[in-house]
C-alpha atoms as a PDB file:
ATOM      1  CA  MET A   1     -24.075  18.893  69.770  1.00  0.00           C
ATOM      2  CA  ALA A   2     -23.433  18.271  66.078  1.00  0.00           C
ATOM      3  CA  THR A   3     -25.355  15.609  64.213  1.00  0.00           C
ATOM      4  CA  ILE A   4     -22.989  13.340  62.322  1.00  0.00           C
ATOM      5  CA  VAL A   5     -24.239  11.518  59.261  1.00  0.00           C
ATOM      6  CA  VAL A   6     -21.790   9.181  57.540  1.00  0.00           C
ATOM      7  CA  THR A   7     -23.090   8.544  54.056  1.00  0.00           C
ATOM      8  CA  GLY A   8     -20.078   7.512  52.041  1.00  0.00           C
ATOM      9  CA  ARG A   9     -18.881   4.176  53.275  1.00  0.00           C
ATOM     10  CA  HIS A  10     -21.152   2.072  51.089  1.00  0.00           C
ATOM     11  CA  ARG A  11     -21.802   4.076  47.931  1.00  0.00           C
ATOM     12  CA  PRO A  12     -22.254   1.433  45.216  1.00  0.00           C
ATOM     13  CA  HIS A  13     -20.248   3.208  42.509  1.00  0.00           C
ATOM     14  CA  GLU A  14     -17.343   3.823  44.876  1.00  0.00           C
ATOM     15  CA  VAL A  15     -17.348   0.201  46.045  1.00  0.00           C
ATOM     16  CA  MET A  16     -17.486  -0.949  42.402  1.00  0.00           C
ATOM     17  CA  PHE A  17     -14.436   1.167  41.485  1.00  0.00           C
ATOM     18  CA  LEU A  18     -12.557  -0.078  44.554  1.00  0.00           C
ATOM     19  CA  ILE A  19     -13.276  -3.720  43.676  1.00  0.00           C
ATOM     20  CA  LEU A  20     -12.365  -3.199  40.025  1.00  0.00           C
ATOM     21  CA  SER A  21      -9.198  -1.346  41.032  1.00  0.00           C
ATOM     22  CA  ALA A  22      -8.096  -4.090  43.406  1.00  0.00           C
ATOM     23  CA  LEU A  23      -8.840  -6.833  40.858  1.00  0.00           C
ATOM     24  CA  ALA A  24      -7.259  -5.080  37.874  1.00  0.00           C
ATOM     25  CA  GLY A  25      -4.221  -3.893  39.818  1.00  0.00           C
ATOM     26  CA  GLY A  26      -3.734  -7.337  41.334  1.00  0.00           C
ATOM     27  CA  ALA A  27      -4.143  -9.108  38.003  1.00  0.00           C
ATOM     28  CA  PHE A  28      -1.561  -6.928  36.287  1.00  0.00           C
ATOM     29  CA  VAL A  29       0.880  -7.130  39.205  1.00  0.00           C
ATOM     30  CA  VAL A  30       0.807 -10.944  39.065  1.00  0.00           C
ATOM     31  CA  GLY A  31       1.384 -10.995  35.316  1.00  0.00           C
ATOM     32  CA  ALA A  32      -1.729 -10.273  33.257  1.00  0.00           C
ATOM     33  CA  LYS A  33      -0.814  -8.474  30.050  1.00  0.00           C
ATOM     34  CA  PRO A  34      -2.380  -5.096  29.253  1.00  0.00           C
ATOM     35  CA  PRO A  35      -3.627  -4.530  25.712  1.00  0.00           C
ATOM     36  CA  THR A  36      -0.638  -4.062  23.425  1.00  0.00           C
ATOM     37  CA  THR A  37      -1.953  -0.698  22.251  1.00  0.00           C
ATOM     38  CA  VAL A  38      -1.867   0.592  25.824  1.00  0.00           C
ATOM     39  CA  GLU A  39       1.665  -0.719  26.303  1.00  0.00           C
ATOM     40  CA  GLN A  40       2.746   1.205  23.206  1.00  0.00           C
ATOM     41  CA  LEU A  41       1.229   4.513  24.363  1.00  0.00           C
ATOM     42  CA  VAL A  42       2.838   4.768  27.802  1.00  0.00           C
ATOM     43  CA  GLY A  43       6.117   3.795  29.414  1.00  0.00           C
ATOM     44  CA  PRO A  44       6.519   0.717  31.610  1.00  0.00           C
ATOM     45  CA  TRP A  45       6.989   2.864  34.739  1.00  0.00           C
ATOM     46  CA  VAL A  46       3.557   4.451  34.093  1.00  0.00           C
ATOM     47  CA  LEU A  47       1.962   1.012  33.795  1.00  0.00           C
ATOM     48  CA  TRP A  48       3.588  -0.277  36.982  1.00  0.00           C
ATOM     49  CA  THR A  49       2.745   2.861  38.951  1.00  0.00           C
ATOM     50  CA  TRP A  50      -0.840   2.620  37.673  1.00  0.00           C
ATOM     51  CA  TYR A  51      -1.096  -1.067  38.651  1.00  0.00           C
ATOM     52  CA  LEU A  52       0.324  -0.567  42.133  1.00  0.00           C
ATOM     53  CA  LEU A  53      -1.814   2.505  42.832  1.00  0.00           C
ATOM     54  CA  LEU A  54      -4.931   0.644  41.689  1.00  0.00           C
ATOM     55  CA  LEU A  55      -4.118  -2.383  43.811  1.00  0.00           C
ATOM     56  CA  ALA A  56      -3.186  -0.446  46.955  1.00  0.00           C
ATOM     57  CA  SER A  57      -6.029   2.075  46.821  1.00  0.00           C
ATOM     58  CA  GLY A  58      -8.585  -0.605  45.990  1.00  0.00           C
ATOM     59  CA  VAL A  59      -7.562  -2.824  48.888  1.00  0.00           C
ATOM     60  CA  ILE A  60      -7.296   0.076  51.359  1.00  0.00           C
ATOM     61  CA  GLY A  61     -10.728   1.345  50.310  1.00  0.00           C
ATOM     62  CA  LEU A  62     -12.307  -2.082  50.688  1.00  0.00           C
ATOM     63  CA  VAL A  63     -10.733  -2.481  54.127  1.00  0.00           C
ATOM     64  CA  SER A  64     -12.208   0.890  55.104  1.00  0.00           C
ATOM     65  CA  ILE A  65     -15.708  -0.426  54.412  1.00  0.00           C
ATOM     66  CA  VAL A  66     -15.488  -3.159  57.030  1.00  0.00           C
ATOM     67  CA  GLN A  67     -14.022  -0.982  59.800  1.00  0.00           C
ATOM     68  CA  PRO A  68     -16.374  -0.666  62.767  1.00  0.00           C
ATOM     69  CA  ASP A  69     -14.730   2.555  63.966  1.00  0.00           C
ATOM     70  CA  THR A  70     -16.090   5.448  61.896  1.00  0.00           C
ATOM     71  CA  TYR A  71     -13.054   7.695  62.203  1.00  0.00           C
ATOM     72  CA  ARG A  72     -10.608   4.919  61.256  1.00  0.00           C
ATOM     73  CA  ALA A  73     -12.834   4.000  58.321  1.00  0.00           C
ATOM     74  CA  LEU A  74     -12.793   7.607  57.111  1.00  0.00           C
ATOM     75  CA  VAL A  75      -9.001   7.834  57.436  1.00  0.00           C
ATOM     76  CA  LEU A  76      -8.611   4.686  55.329  1.00  0.00           C
ATOM     77  CA  GLU A  77     -11.207   5.852  52.825  1.00  0.00           C
ATOM     78  CA  SER A  78      -9.362   9.148  52.498  1.00  0.00           C
ATOM     79  CA  ALA A  79      -6.098   7.309  51.818  1.00  0.00           C
ATOM     80  CA  ALA A  80      -7.852   5.164  49.225  1.00  0.00           C
ATOM     81  CA  MET A  81      -9.297   8.229  47.521  1.00  0.00           C
ATOM     82  CA  VAL A  82      -5.828   9.772  47.267  1.00  0.00           C
ATOM     83  CA  GLY A  83      -4.735   6.661  45.361  1.00  0.00           C
ATOM     84  CA  GLN A  84      -7.955   6.651  43.347  1.00  0.00           C
ATOM     85  CA  THR A  85      -7.184  10.245  42.372  1.00  0.00           C
ATOM     86  CA  ALA A  86      -3.518   9.696  41.586  1.00  0.00           C
ATOM     87  CA  ALA A  87      -3.877   6.505  39.516  1.00  0.00           C
ATOM     88  CA  PRO A  88      -6.309   7.745  36.847  1.00  0.00           C
ATOM     89  CA  LEU A  89      -4.715  11.208  36.850  1.00  0.00           C
ATOM     90  CA  LEU A  90      -1.299   9.712  36.088  1.00  0.00           C
ATOM     91  CA  TYR A  91      -2.716   7.432  33.439  1.00  0.00           C
ATOM     92  CA  GLY A  92      -4.888  10.118  31.861  1.00  0.00           C
ATOM     93  CA  VAL A  93      -2.029  12.599  31.675  1.00  0.00           C
ATOM     94  CA  ALA A  94       0.283   9.922  30.227  1.00  0.00           C
ATOM     95  CA  LEU A  95      -2.311   9.097  27.556  1.00  0.00           C
ATOM     96  CA  LEU A  96      -2.833  12.784  26.876  1.00  0.00           C
ATOM     97  CA  ALA A  97       0.914  13.253  26.427  1.00  0.00           C
ATOM     98  CA  SER A  98       0.927  10.455  23.845  1.00  0.00           C
ATOM     99  CA  SER A  99      -1.051  12.776  21.528  1.00  0.00           C
ATOM    100  CA  ASN A 100      -3.048   9.822  20.236  1.00  0.00           C
ATOM    101  CA  SER A 101      -6.548  10.922  19.248  1.00  0.00           C
ATOM    102  CA  ALA A 102      -7.812   7.356  19.738  1.00  0.00           C
ATOM    103  CA  ALA A 103      -7.195   7.788  23.476  1.00  0.00           C
ATOM    104  CA  THR A 104      -9.550  10.767  23.828  1.00  0.00           C
ATOM    105  CA  PHE A 105     -12.332   8.828  25.553  1.00  0.00           C
ATOM    106  CA  ALA A 106      -9.870   7.090  27.895  1.00  0.00           C
ATOM    107  CA  VAL A 107      -8.291  10.443  28.794  1.00  0.00           C
ATOM    108  CA  ALA A 108     -11.706  11.985  29.533  1.00  0.00           C
ATOM    109  CA  PHE A 109     -12.757   8.939  31.570  1.00  0.00           C
ATOM    110  CA  CYS A 110      -9.542   8.914  33.619  1.00  0.00           C
ATOM    111  CA  LEU A 111      -9.611  12.638  34.328  1.00  0.00           C
ATOM    112  CA  THR A 112     -13.285  12.495  35.326  1.00  0.00           C
ATOM    113  CA  TRP A 113     -12.582   9.513  37.601  1.00  0.00           C
ATOM    114  CA  ALA A 114      -9.691  11.417  39.195  1.00  0.00           C
ATOM    115  CA  GLY A 115     -11.903  14.467  39.724  1.00  0.00           C
ATOM    116  CA  ALA A 116     -14.674  12.410  41.324  1.00  0.00           C
ATOM    117  CA  SER A 117     -12.169  10.705  43.631  1.00  0.00           C
ATOM    118  CA  ALA A 118     -10.616  14.042  44.633  1.00  0.00           C
ATOM    119  CA  TRP A 119     -14.090  15.392  45.405  1.00  0.00           C
ATOM    120  CA  ARG A 120     -14.843  12.328  47.540  1.00  0.00           C
ATOM    121  CA  CYS A 121     -11.524  12.750  49.356  1.00  0.00           C
ATOM    122  CA  TRP A 122     -12.510  16.340  50.166  1.00  0.00           C
ATOM    123  CA  GLN A 123     -15.913  15.141  51.457  1.00  0.00           C
ATOM    124  CA  VAL A 124     -14.282  12.495  53.652  1.00  0.00           C
ATOM    125  CA  GLY A 125     -11.845  15.073  55.043  1.00  0.00           C
ATOM    126  CA  ARG A 126     -14.770  17.312  55.918  1.00  0.00           C
ATOM    127  CA  GLY A 127     -16.468  14.395  57.698  1.00  0.00           C
ATOM    128  CA  MET A 128     -13.310  13.682  59.656  1.00  0.00           C
ATOM    129  CA  ARG A 129     -13.126  17.308  60.803  1.00  0.00           C
ATOM    130  CA  VAL A 130     -16.739  17.154  61.973  1.00  0.00           C
ATOM    131  CA  LEU A 131     -15.970  14.025  63.989  1.00  0.00           C
ATOM    132  CA  GLN A 132     -12.914  15.691  65.527  1.00  0.00           C
ATOM    133  CA  GLN A 133     -14.899  18.795  66.469  1.00  0.00           C
ATOM    134  CA  ALA A 134     -17.632  16.676  68.009  1.00  0.00           C
ATOM    135  CA  GLY A 135     -15.054  14.969  70.207  1.00  0.00           C
ATOM    136  CA  GLY A 136     -15.164  11.639  68.418  1.00  0.00           C
ATOM    137  CA  GLN A 137     -11.385  11.702  67.947  1.00  0.00           C
END
């Protein structure tokens, strides 16, 4: 019988990004203004997609933390990590396309965040497969 160890549901940095994503996405959706320099670098559709992805993935990820069922929690965490990959990837690529050298750090940060989220999504998927093989689902 396989030993199942679920380690990812309460990683502090992941929880921090989920909380910040939910708060920032929610704030912008209800009307908070982004810095004017950011508004000038990317189109409105990029900003709105970014906001909605942050809000949705943050909330879904936080809901996954409180799920008592491990498999359901992993499914929700996986969905959140897809959003946490897509949001900074979209934003980073949009900033990169702006060809503004002042955005270099933001581009690097966003692409690194997207990479870390994609890696976590892969880890969660692997955990879900282990649970399925063990007969948990």
